[in-house]
Amino acid sequence: MGLKKRLAGLTMALVVGTFAFAGCSGGGDSTGSSSAAISGEINGGGSTSVQKIIEAAGDEFAAQNPDVKFTYSGTGSSDGIKGATEGTYAFGCASRELKDEEKSGLTELVFAYDGIAMITHPSNPVSNISSADLTKIYTGEITNWSQIGGNDAPIVVVSREDGSGTRSAVEELLKFEDKLKPDATIKEGNGNVQSTVAGNENAIGYVSLTFVDNTVKKVNVDNVEATVDNVVNKSYPVSRPFLAVYKTDGLNNQTKAFLDFLMTDEGQAIVEKEGGIKVALEQ
């Protein structure tokens, strides 16, 4: 009887082992299924104004999808549009409206809005400048702060590089396209404009709202402060959309998944956390 019991026990162990192996096989199928999960490279580039938002969203998306490699290059809006058109980037970002000649073959996704703050040194007594006077400052018609109620000092005009979406937006909104004064100080990126203005008490520049801190002072435009609420209600005159652009027929699954994520509640919360204005507020 002892032998029979041992044989019965062995038989039962074999049965259990068989089911256990079957369970493992099922797990293998599950692993196979997860291999179809989101993976691969997502390569974006373009506007530096959106960079904080896109990189934060990309980091979170990659954390949720460990097989994704996410990269974003802040090279300017025009480069982002060109890269998306030519396939250098899976998606490009622009911090301005697309020009008619740039729209061919591209799909546009508005994922946020932004106000462009006009900034001066904190010691500058000027607190408001009209749109018309800003145009005159940037085209060289107004050259001294005393002409608009400030100190008797030359105005140091700081602008952005060619291809900057922020520059294109400001020039279009203030109506001085291709008329920037020749001796304007040109800086690449919002951060460089901010630090330049912070270091010169006679300077004026412009940056995305996400780059404003206590080293510079926002100046009202047409008596309206650059705030989220005033951009949303469209009372602040210097504002713009943040766009992701891509070719629909060349969009890979992982990039589509990221752009979808950007428009979820979680993605829009990242937009807001990083200083942008979420699309939901506009609707």
C-alpha atoms as a PDB file:
ATOM      1  CA  MET A   1       0.000   0.000   0.000  1.00  0.00           C
ATOM      2  CA  GLY A   2       2.865   2.371   0.764  1.00  0.00           C
ATOM      3  CA  LEU A   3       4.135   1.954  -2.802  1.00  0.00           C
ATOM      4  CA  LYS A   4       0.654   2.583  -4.271  1.00  0.00           C
ATOM      5  CA  LYS A   5       0.312   5.753  -2.255  1.00  0.00           C
ATOM      6  CA  ARG A   6       3.704   6.941  -3.471  1.00  0.00           C
ATOM      7  CA  LEU A   7       2.748   6.166  -7.102  1.00  0.00           C
ATOM      8  CA  ALA A   8      -0.560   7.971  -6.692  1.00  0.00           C
ATOM      9  CA  GLY A   9       1.257  10.963  -5.272  1.00  0.00           C
ATOM     10  CA  LEU A  10       3.672  10.934  -8.194  1.00  0.00           C
ATOM     11  CA  THR A  11       0.790  10.781 -10.679  1.00  0.00           C
ATOM     12  CA  MET A  12      -0.895  13.725  -8.977  1.00  0.00           C
ATOM     13  CA  ALA A  13       2.343  15.700  -9.074  1.00  0.00           C
ATOM     14  CA  LEU A  14       2.660  15.035 -12.791  1.00  0.00           C
ATOM     15  CA  VAL A  15      -0.919  16.251 -13.364  1.00  0.00           C
ATOM     16  CA  VAL A  16      -0.326  19.395 -11.312  1.00  0.00           C
ATOM     17  CA  GLY A  17       2.940  19.987 -13.130  1.00  0.00           C
ATOM     18  CA  THR A  18       1.173  19.640 -16.464  1.00  0.00           C
ATOM     19  CA  PHE A  19      -1.381  22.279 -15.489  1.00  0.00           C
ATOM     20  CA  ALA A  20       1.374  24.456 -14.115  1.00  0.00           C
ATOM     21  CA  PHE A  21       3.220  24.223 -17.438  1.00  0.00           C
ATOM     22  CA  ALA A  22       0.006  25.047 -19.255  1.00  0.00           C
ATOM     23  CA  GLY A  23      -0.318  28.094 -17.009  1.00  0.00           C
ATOM     24  CA  CYS A  24       3.220  29.097 -17.892  1.00  0.00           C
ATOM     25  CA  SER A  25       2.377  28.714 -21.561  1.00  0.00           C
ATOM     26  CA  GLY A  26      -0.559  31.037 -21.033  1.00  0.00           C
ATOM     27  CA  GLY A  27       1.846  33.530 -19.472  1.00  0.00           C
ATOM     28  CA  GLY A  28       4.010  33.198 -22.557  1.00  0.00           C
ATOM     29  CA  ASP A  29       1.028  34.164 -24.684  1.00  0.00           C
ATOM     30  CA  SER A  30       0.505  37.172 -22.426  1.00  0.00           C
ATOM     31  CA  THR A  31       4.131  38.133 -22.858  1.00  0.00           C
ATOM     32  CA  GLY A  32       3.714  37.769 -26.565  1.00  0.00           C
ATOM     33  CA  SER A  33       0.728  40.068 -26.336  1.00  0.00           C
ATOM     34  CA  SER A  34       2.743  42.660 -24.395  1.00  0.00           C
ATOM     35  CA  SER A  35       5.356  42.592 -27.141  1.00  0.00           C
ATOM     36  CA  ALA A  36       2.667  44.218 -29.267  1.00  0.00           C
ATOM     37  CA  ALA A  37       2.471  47.040 -26.730  1.00  0.00           C
ATOM     38  CA  ILE A  38       3.807  50.500 -27.458  1.00  0.00           C
ATOM     39  CA  SER A  39       7.503  50.464 -28.298  1.00  0.00           C
ATOM     40  CA  GLY A  40      10.036  52.054 -30.592  1.00  0.00           C
ATOM     41  CA  GLU A  41      11.511  55.504 -31.163  1.00  0.00           C
ATOM     42  CA  ILE A  42       9.582  58.762 -31.081  1.00  0.00           C
ATOM     43  CA  ASN A  43      11.639  61.547 -32.596  1.00  0.00           C
ATOM     44  CA  GLY A  44      10.250  65.070 -32.446  1.00  0.00           C
ATOM     45  CA  GLY A  45      11.676  68.527 -32.839  1.00  0.00           C
ATOM     46  CA  GLY A  46      10.913  72.185 -33.391  1.00  0.00           C
ATOM     47  CA  SER A  47       9.782  75.060 -31.209  1.00  0.00           C
ATOM     48  CA  THR A  48      11.722  75.805 -28.031  1.00  0.00           C
ATOM     49  CA  SER A  49       8.617  77.448 -26.561  1.00  0.00           C
ATOM     50  CA  VAL A  50       6.886  74.079 -26.313  1.00  0.00           C
ATOM     51  CA  GLN A  51       9.999  72.184 -25.243  1.00  0.00           C
ATOM     52  CA  LYS A  52       9.248  72.068 -21.512  1.00  0.00           C
ATOM     53  CA  ILE A  53       5.764  70.735 -22.174  1.00  0.00           C
ATOM     54  CA  ILE A  54       6.741  68.187 -24.805  1.00  0.00           C
ATOM     55  CA  GLU A  55       9.720  66.838 -22.873  1.00  0.00           C
ATOM     56  CA  ALA A  56       7.706  66.492 -19.659  1.00  0.00           C
ATOM     57  CA  ALA A  57       4.925  64.701 -21.536  1.00  0.00           C
ATOM     58  CA  GLY A  58       7.490  62.549 -23.339  1.00  0.00           C
ATOM     59  CA  ASP A  59       9.163  61.577 -20.065  1.00  0.00           C
ATOM     60  CA  GLU A  60       5.839  60.528 -18.560  1.00  0.00           C
ATOM     61  CA  PHE A  61       4.814  58.635 -21.689  1.00  0.00           C
ATOM     62  CA  ALA A  62       8.149  56.774 -21.771  1.00  0.00           C
ATOM     63  CA  ALA A  63       7.830  55.966 -18.060  1.00  0.00           C
ATOM     64  CA  GLN A  64       4.465  54.357 -18.774  1.00  0.00           C
ATOM     65  CA  ASN A  65       5.862  52.609 -21.861  1.00  0.00           C
ATOM     66  CA  PRO A  66       9.416  51.489 -21.022  1.00  0.00           C
ATOM     67  CA  ASP A  67      10.068  50.169 -24.526  1.00  0.00           C
ATOM     68  CA  VAL A  68       9.666  53.653 -25.981  1.00  0.00           C
ATOM     69  CA  LYS A  69      12.672  55.892 -26.619  1.00  0.00           C
ATOM     70  CA  PHE A  70      11.554  59.526 -26.726  1.00  0.00           C
ATOM     71  CA  THR A  71      13.668  62.428 -27.996  1.00  0.00           C
ATOM     72  CA  TYR A  72      12.865  66.056 -28.762  1.00  0.00           C
ATOM     73  CA  SER A  73      15.196  68.633 -30.290  1.00  0.00           C
ATOM     74  CA  GLY A  74      14.494  72.315 -29.672  1.00  0.00           C
ATOM     75  CA  THR A  75      15.528  73.750 -33.025  1.00  0.00           C
ATOM     76  CA  GLY A  76      12.811  76.323 -33.776  1.00  0.00           C
ATOM     77  CA  SER A  77       9.333  76.182 -35.274  1.00  0.00           C
ATOM     78  CA  SER A  78      10.378  76.461 -38.911  1.00  0.00           C
ATOM     79  CA  ASP A  79      12.772  73.540 -38.499  1.00  0.00           C
ATOM     80  CA  GLY A  80      10.052  71.506 -36.789  1.00  0.00           C
ATOM     81  CA  ILE A  81       7.659  72.091 -39.666  1.00  0.00           C
ATOM     82  CA  LYS A  82      10.353  71.311 -42.213  1.00  0.00           C
ATOM     83  CA  GLY A  83      11.424  68.198 -40.320  1.00  0.00           C
ATOM     84  CA  ALA A  84       7.862  66.880 -40.192  1.00  0.00           C
ATOM     85  CA  THR A  85       7.427  67.591 -43.900  1.00  0.00           C
ATOM     86  CA  GLU A  86      10.665  65.885 -44.906  1.00  0.00           C
ATOM     87  CA  GLY A  87      10.378  63.018 -42.418  1.00  0.00           C
ATOM     88  CA  THR A  88      13.385  64.037 -40.311  1.00  0.00           C
ATOM     89  CA  TYR A  89      11.004  64.171 -37.338  1.00  0.00           C
ATOM     90  CA  ALA A  90       8.080  61.857 -36.663  1.00  0.00           C
ATOM     91  CA  PHE A  91       6.324  65.013 -35.516  1.00  0.00           C
ATOM     92  CA  GLY A  92       7.297  68.666 -35.470  1.00  0.00           C
ATOM     93  CA  CYS A  93       6.199  71.427 -33.118  1.00  0.00           C
ATOM     94  CA  ALA A  94       5.428  75.037 -33.955  1.00  0.00           C
ATOM     95  CA  SER A  95       4.576  77.887 -31.638  1.00  0.00           C
ATOM     96  CA  ARG A  96       2.726  79.824 -34.320  1.00  0.00           C
ATOM     97  CA  GLU A  97       0.122  79.361 -37.015  1.00  0.00           C
ATOM     98  CA  LEU A  98       1.395  77.610 -40.127  1.00  0.00           C
ATOM     99  CA  LYS A  99       1.880  79.711 -43.225  1.00  0.00           C
ATOM    100  CA  ASP A 100      -0.130  78.658 -46.276  1.00  0.00           C
ATOM    101  CA  GLU A 101       2.951  77.340 -48.048  1.00  0.00           C
ATOM    102  CA  GLU A 102       3.828  75.158 -45.033  1.00  0.00           C
ATOM    103  CA  LYS A 103       0.489  73.363 -44.768  1.00  0.00           C
ATOM    104  CA  SER A 104       0.779  71.003 -47.720  1.00  0.00           C
ATOM    105  CA  GLY A 105       0.648  67.363 -46.607  1.00  0.00           C
ATOM    106  CA  LEU A 106       0.659  68.139 -42.892  1.00  0.00           C
ATOM    107  CA  THR A 107      -1.945  67.493 -40.207  1.00  0.00           C
ATOM    108  CA  GLU A 108      -2.098  70.068 -37.399  1.00  0.00           C
ATOM    109  CA  LEU A 109      -2.883  69.285 -33.771  1.00  0.00           C
ATOM    110  CA  VAL A 110      -3.429  72.212 -31.378  1.00  0.00           C
ATOM    111  CA  PHE A 111      -2.409  70.827 -27.988  1.00  0.00           C
ATOM    112  CA  ALA A 112      -2.036  74.078 -26.014  1.00  0.00           C
ATOM    113  CA  TYR A 113      -2.161  77.863 -26.138  1.00  0.00           C
ATOM    114  CA  ASP A 114       0.370  80.426 -24.997  1.00  0.00           C
ATOM    115  CA  GLY A 115       0.700  84.101 -24.295  1.00  0.00           C
ATOM    116  CA  ILE A 116       3.872  85.900 -25.305  1.00  0.00           C
ATOM    117  CA  ALA A 117       4.959  88.220 -22.535  1.00  0.00           C
ATOM    118  CA  MET A 118       6.707  91.487 -23.323  1.00  0.00           C
ATOM    119  CA  ILE A 119       9.423  91.823 -20.696  1.00  0.00           C
ATOM    120  CA  THR A 120      11.734  94.521 -19.343  1.00  0.00           C
ATOM    121  CA  HIS A 121      14.240  94.780 -16.526  1.00  0.00           C
ATOM    122  CA  PRO A 122      12.479  94.864 -13.119  1.00  0.00           C
ATOM    123  CA  SER A 123      13.780  98.404 -12.486  1.00  0.00           C
ATOM    124  CA  ASN A 124      12.103  99.811 -15.601  1.00  0.00           C
ATOM    125  CA  PRO A 125       9.232 102.117 -14.568  1.00  0.00           C
ATOM    126  CA  VAL A 126       7.189 101.512 -17.745  1.00  0.00           C
ATOM    127  CA  SER A 127       4.300  99.167 -16.941  1.00  0.00           C
ATOM    128  CA  ASN A 128       2.185  99.354 -20.099  1.00  0.00           C
ATOM    129  CA  ILE A 129       2.970  99.720 -23.799  1.00  0.00           C
ATOM    130  CA  SER A 130       0.432  99.910 -26.600  1.00  0.00           C
ATOM    131  CA  SER A 131       0.583  97.500 -29.519  1.00  0.00           C
ATOM    132  CA  ALA A 132       1.248 100.447 -31.831  1.00  0.00           C
ATOM    133  CA  ASP A 133       4.204 101.624 -29.731  1.00  0.00           C
ATOM    134  CA  LEU A 134       5.634  98.110 -29.539  1.00  0.00           C
ATOM    135  CA  THR A 135       5.616  98.006 -33.316  1.00  0.00           C
ATOM    136  CA  LYS A 136       7.417 101.349 -33.419  1.00  0.00           C
ATOM    137  CA  ILE A 137      10.001 100.126 -30.883  1.00  0.00           C
ATOM    138  CA  TYR A 138      10.763  96.985 -32.848  1.00  0.00           C
ATOM    139  CA  THR A 139      10.961  98.811 -36.180  1.00  0.00           C
ATOM    140  CA  GLY A 140      13.150 101.597 -34.778  1.00  0.00           C
ATOM    141  CA  GLU A 141      10.688 104.509 -34.844  1.00  0.00           C
ATOM    142  CA  ILE A 142      10.779 104.786 -31.034  1.00  0.00           C
ATOM    143  CA  THR A 143      14.318 104.561 -29.700  1.00  0.00           C
ATOM    144  CA  ASN A 144      14.259 106.104 -26.206  1.00  0.00           C
ATOM    145  CA  TRP A 145      12.271 105.042 -23.134  1.00  0.00           C
ATOM    146  CA  SER A 146      11.376 108.674 -22.457  1.00  0.00           C
ATOM    147  CA  GLN A 147       9.193 108.633 -25.584  1.00  0.00           C
ATOM    148  CA  ILE A 148       6.778 106.279 -23.812  1.00  0.00           C
ATOM    149  CA  GLY A 149       6.997 107.615 -20.271  1.00  0.00           C
ATOM    150  CA  GLY A 150      10.175 105.951 -19.122  1.00  0.00           C
ATOM    151  CA  ASN A 151      13.694 107.026 -18.272  1.00  0.00           C
ATOM    152  CA  ASP A 152      15.822 109.057 -20.663  1.00  0.00           C
ATOM    153  CA  ALA A 153      17.737 106.047 -21.949  1.00  0.00           C
ATOM    154  CA  PRO A 154      18.114 104.235 -25.275  1.00  0.00           C
ATOM    155  CA  ILE A 155      15.881 101.214 -25.769  1.00  0.00           C
ATOM    156  CA  VAL A 156      17.831  98.001 -26.288  1.00  0.00           C
ATOM    157  CA  VAL A 157      15.621  95.847 -28.494  1.00  0.00           C
ATOM    158  CA  VAL A 158      16.024  92.106 -28.023  1.00  0.00           C
ATOM    159  CA  SER A 159      14.454  89.724 -30.525  1.00  0.00           C
ATOM    160  CA  ARG A 160      14.687  86.095 -31.605  1.00  0.00           C
ATOM    161  CA  GLU A 161      16.552  84.312 -34.365  1.00  0.00           C
ATOM    162  CA  ASP A 162      15.219  83.641 -37.868  1.00  0.00           C
ATOM    163  CA  GLY A 163      12.948  80.597 -37.836  1.00  0.00           C
ATOM    164  CA  SER A 164      11.735  81.207 -34.298  1.00  0.00           C
ATOM    165  CA  GLY A 165       8.002  80.626 -33.941  1.00  0.00           C
ATOM    166  CA  THR A 166       7.886  83.179 -31.147  1.00  0.00           C
ATOM    167  CA  ARG A 167       9.473  85.811 -33.375  1.00  0.00           C
ATOM    168  CA  SER A 168       7.147  85.008 -36.275  1.00  0.00           C
ATOM    169  CA  ALA A 169       4.130  85.189 -33.973  1.00  0.00           C
ATOM    170  CA  VAL A 170       5.163  88.542 -32.463  1.00  0.00           C
ATOM    171  CA  GLU A 171       5.949  90.079 -35.845  1.00  0.00           C
ATOM    172  CA  GLU A 172       2.661  88.864 -37.298  1.00  0.00           C
ATOM    173  CA  LEU A 173       0.540  89.868 -34.291  1.00  0.00           C
ATOM    174  CA  LEU A 174       2.166  93.300 -34.005  1.00  0.00           C
ATOM    175  CA  LYS A 175       2.288  93.731 -37.784  1.00  0.00           C
ATOM    176  CA  PHE A 176       5.967  94.339 -38.435  1.00  0.00           C
ATOM    177  CA  GLU A 177       6.921  91.251 -40.428  1.00  0.00           C
ATOM    178  CA  ASP A 178      10.343  91.649 -42.081  1.00  0.00           C
ATOM    179  CA  LYS A 179      10.682  95.150 -40.596  1.00  0.00           C
ATOM    180  CA  LEU A 180      12.724  94.445 -37.450  1.00  0.00           C
ATOM    181  CA  LYS A 181      15.262  97.209 -36.813  1.00  0.00           C
ATOM    182  CA  PRO A 182      18.660  96.148 -38.203  1.00  0.00           C
ATOM    183  CA  ASP A 183      20.615  96.682 -34.985  1.00  0.00           C
ATOM    184  CA  ALA A 184      18.284  94.625 -32.758  1.00  0.00           C
ATOM    185  CA  THR A 185      20.043  92.177 -30.436  1.00  0.00           C
ATOM    186  CA  ILE A 186      19.277  88.649 -31.621  1.00  0.00           C
ATOM    187  CA  LYS A 187      19.196  85.751 -29.168  1.00  0.00           C
ATOM    188  CA  GLU A 188      18.402  82.096 -29.747  1.00  0.00           C
ATOM    189  CA  GLY A 189      15.753  80.597 -27.487  1.00  0.00           C
ATOM    190  CA  ASN A 190      13.450  82.010 -24.834  1.00  0.00           C
ATOM    191  CA  GLY A 191      15.985  81.451 -22.078  1.00  0.00           C
ATOM    192  CA  ASN A 192      18.644  83.574 -23.765  1.00  0.00           C
ATOM    193  CA  VAL A 193      16.196  86.429 -24.356  1.00  0.00           C
ATOM    194  CA  GLN A 194      15.124  86.282 -20.724  1.00  0.00           C
ATOM    195  CA  SER A 195      18.684  86.360 -19.351  1.00  0.00           C
ATOM    196  CA  THR A 196      19.664  89.174 -21.733  1.00  0.00           C
ATOM    197  CA  VAL A 197      16.771  91.377 -20.615  1.00  0.00           C
ATOM    198  CA  ALA A 198      17.416  90.485 -16.959  1.00  0.00           C
ATOM    199  CA  GLY A 199      20.984  91.724 -17.366  1.00  0.00           C
ATOM    200  CA  ASN A 200      20.239  95.069 -19.048  1.00  0.00           C
ATOM    201  CA  GLU A 201      18.051  97.712 -17.396  1.00  0.00           C
ATOM    202  CA  ASN A 202      17.283  99.348 -20.768  1.00  0.00           C
ATOM    203  CA  ALA A 203      16.305  96.172 -22.650  1.00  0.00           C
ATOM    204  CA  ILE A 204      12.948  94.967 -23.886  1.00  0.00           C
ATOM    205  CA  GLY A 205      12.241  91.472 -25.179  1.00  0.00           C
ATOM    206  CA  TYR A 206       9.563  88.841 -25.458  1.00  0.00           C
ATOM    207  CA  VAL A 207       9.268  85.283 -24.172  1.00  0.00           C
ATOM    208  CA  SER A 208       6.686  82.590 -23.747  1.00  0.00           C
ATOM    209  CA  LEU A 209       4.778  82.880 -20.478  1.00  0.00           C
ATOM    210  CA  THR A 210       6.477  79.669 -19.354  1.00  0.00           C
ATOM    211  CA  PHE A 211       9.797  81.533 -19.145  1.00  0.00           C
ATOM    212  CA  VAL A 212       8.729  84.512 -17.034  1.00  0.00           C
ATOM    213  CA  ASP A 213      10.245  84.625 -13.545  1.00  0.00           C
ATOM    214  CA  ASN A 214      11.265  87.270 -11.009  1.00  0.00           C
ATOM    215  CA  THR A 215      14.415  88.229 -12.944  1.00  0.00           C
ATOM    216  CA  VAL A 216      12.282  90.140 -15.457  1.00  0.00           C
ATOM    217  CA  LYS A 217       9.067  92.202 -15.432  1.00  0.00           C
ATOM    218  CA  LYS A 218       6.003  91.616 -17.585  1.00  0.00           C
ATOM    219  CA  VAL A 219       4.716  94.744 -19.309  1.00  0.00           C
ATOM    220  CA  ASN A 220       1.003  95.051 -20.039  1.00  0.00           C
ATOM    221  CA  VAL A 221       0.050  95.379 -23.693  1.00  0.00           C
ATOM    222  CA  ASP A 222      -2.879  97.695 -24.462  1.00  0.00           C
ATOM    223  CA  ASN A 223      -3.517  97.778 -20.689  1.00  0.00           C
ATOM    224  CA  VAL A 224      -4.006  93.989 -20.565  1.00  0.00           C
ATOM    225  CA  GLU A 225      -1.739  91.738 -18.495  1.00  0.00           C
ATOM    226  CA  ALA A 226      -0.258  88.585 -19.985  1.00  0.00           C
ATOM    227  CA  THR A 227      -2.053  85.913 -17.935  1.00  0.00           C
ATOM    228  CA  VAL A 228      -3.601  82.536 -18.624  1.00  0.00           C
ATOM    229  CA  ASP A 229      -7.115  83.888 -18.159  1.00  0.00           C
ATOM    230  CA  ASN A 230      -6.511  86.794 -20.523  1.00  0.00           C
ATOM    231  CA  VAL A 231      -5.099  84.511 -23.200  1.00  0.00           C
ATOM    232  CA  VAL A 232      -8.087  82.175 -22.876  1.00  0.00           C
ATOM    233  CA  ASN A 233     -10.623  85.006 -23.052  1.00  0.00           C
ATOM    234  CA  LYS A 234      -8.616  86.488 -25.950  1.00  0.00           C
ATOM    235  CA  SER A 235      -8.270  89.914 -24.377  1.00  0.00           C
ATOM    236  CA  TYR A 236      -4.456  89.724 -24.359  1.00  0.00           C
ATOM    237  CA  PRO A 237      -3.328  90.647 -27.881  1.00  0.00           C
ATOM    238  CA  VAL A 238      -0.036  88.724 -28.101  1.00  0.00           C
ATOM    239  CA  SER A 239      -1.036  85.064 -27.910  1.00  0.00           C
ATOM    240  CA  ARG A 240      -0.765  81.987 -30.119  1.00  0.00           C
ATOM    241  CA  PRO A 241      -1.411  78.243 -30.433  1.00  0.00           C
ATOM    242  CA  PHE A 242       1.078  75.446 -29.781  1.00  0.00           C
ATOM    243  CA  LEU A 243       0.945  72.950 -32.640  1.00  0.00           C
ATOM    244  CA  ALA A 244       2.170  69.437 -33.318  1.00  0.00           C
ATOM    245  CA  VAL A 245       2.373  68.710 -37.046  1.00  0.00           C
ATOM    246  CA  TYR A 246       2.868  65.433 -38.839  1.00  0.00           C
ATOM    247  CA  LYS A 247       2.191  63.484 -42.011  1.00  0.00           C
ATOM    248  CA  THR A 248      -0.786  61.211 -41.443  1.00  0.00           C
ATOM    249  CA  ASP A 249       0.376  58.572 -43.925  1.00  0.00           C
ATOM    250  CA  GLY A 250       3.796  58.348 -42.276  1.00  0.00           C
ATOM    251  CA  LEU A 251       2.713  58.422 -38.639  1.00  0.00           C
ATOM    252  CA  ASN A 252       4.008  55.383 -36.732  1.00  0.00           C
ATOM    253  CA  ASN A 253       1.989  53.766 -33.954  1.00  0.00           C
ATOM    254  CA  GLN A 254       4.140  54.966 -31.088  1.00  0.00           C
ATOM    255  CA  THR A 255       4.048  58.593 -32.217  1.00  0.00           C
ATOM    256  CA  LYS A 256       0.283  58.446 -32.698  1.00  0.00           C
ATOM    257  CA  ALA A 257      -0.049  56.996 -29.191  1.00  0.00           C
ATOM    258  CA  PHE A 258       2.055  59.845 -27.767  1.00  0.00           C
ATOM    259  CA  LEU A 259       0.025  62.539 -29.509  1.00  0.00           C
ATOM    260  CA  ASP A 260      -3.172  60.862 -28.279  1.00  0.00           C
ATOM    261  CA  PHE A 261      -1.698  60.867 -24.755  1.00  0.00           C
ATOM    262  CA  LEU A 262      -0.944  64.576 -25.060  1.00  0.00           C
ATOM    263  CA  MET A 263      -4.653  65.274 -25.524  1.00  0.00           C
ATOM    264  CA  THR A 264      -5.846  63.173 -22.563  1.00  0.00           C
ATOM    265  CA  ASP A 265      -6.660  64.681 -19.180  1.00  0.00           C
ATOM    266  CA  GLU A 266      -3.261  63.486 -17.965  1.00  0.00           C
ATOM    267  CA  GLY A 267      -1.458  65.005 -20.919  1.00  0.00           C
ATOM    268  CA  GLN A 268      -3.303  68.296 -20.599  1.00  0.00           C
ATOM    269  CA  ALA A 269      -2.471  68.382 -16.888  1.00  0.00           C
ATOM    270  CA  ILE A 270       1.204  68.254 -17.909  1.00  0.00           C
ATOM    271  CA  VAL A 271       0.585  71.117 -20.349  1.00  0.00           C
ATOM    272  CA  GLU A 272      -0.807  73.190 -17.510  1.00  0.00           C
ATOM    273  CA  LYS A 273       1.902  72.185 -15.024  1.00  0.00           C
ATOM    274  CA  GLU A 274       4.611  73.260 -17.442  1.00  0.00           C
ATOM    275  CA  GLY A 275       3.101  76.706 -17.925  1.00  0.00           C
ATOM    276  CA  GLY A 276       1.013  76.195 -21.052  1.00  0.00           C
ATOM    277  CA  ILE A 277      -2.697  76.786 -21.370  1.00  0.00           C
ATOM    278  CA  LYS A 278      -4.586  73.560 -21.834  1.00  0.00           C
ATOM    279  CA  VAL A 279      -6.907  73.158 -24.776  1.00  0.00           C
ATOM    280  CA  ALA A 280      -9.818  72.141 -22.539  1.00  0.00           C
ATOM    281  CA  LEU A 281      -9.987  75.684 -21.132  1.00  0.00           C
ATOM    282  CA  GLU A 282     -10.528  77.059 -24.613  1.00  0.00           C
ATOM    283  CA  GLN A 283     -13.458  74.793 -25.405  1.00  0.00           C
END
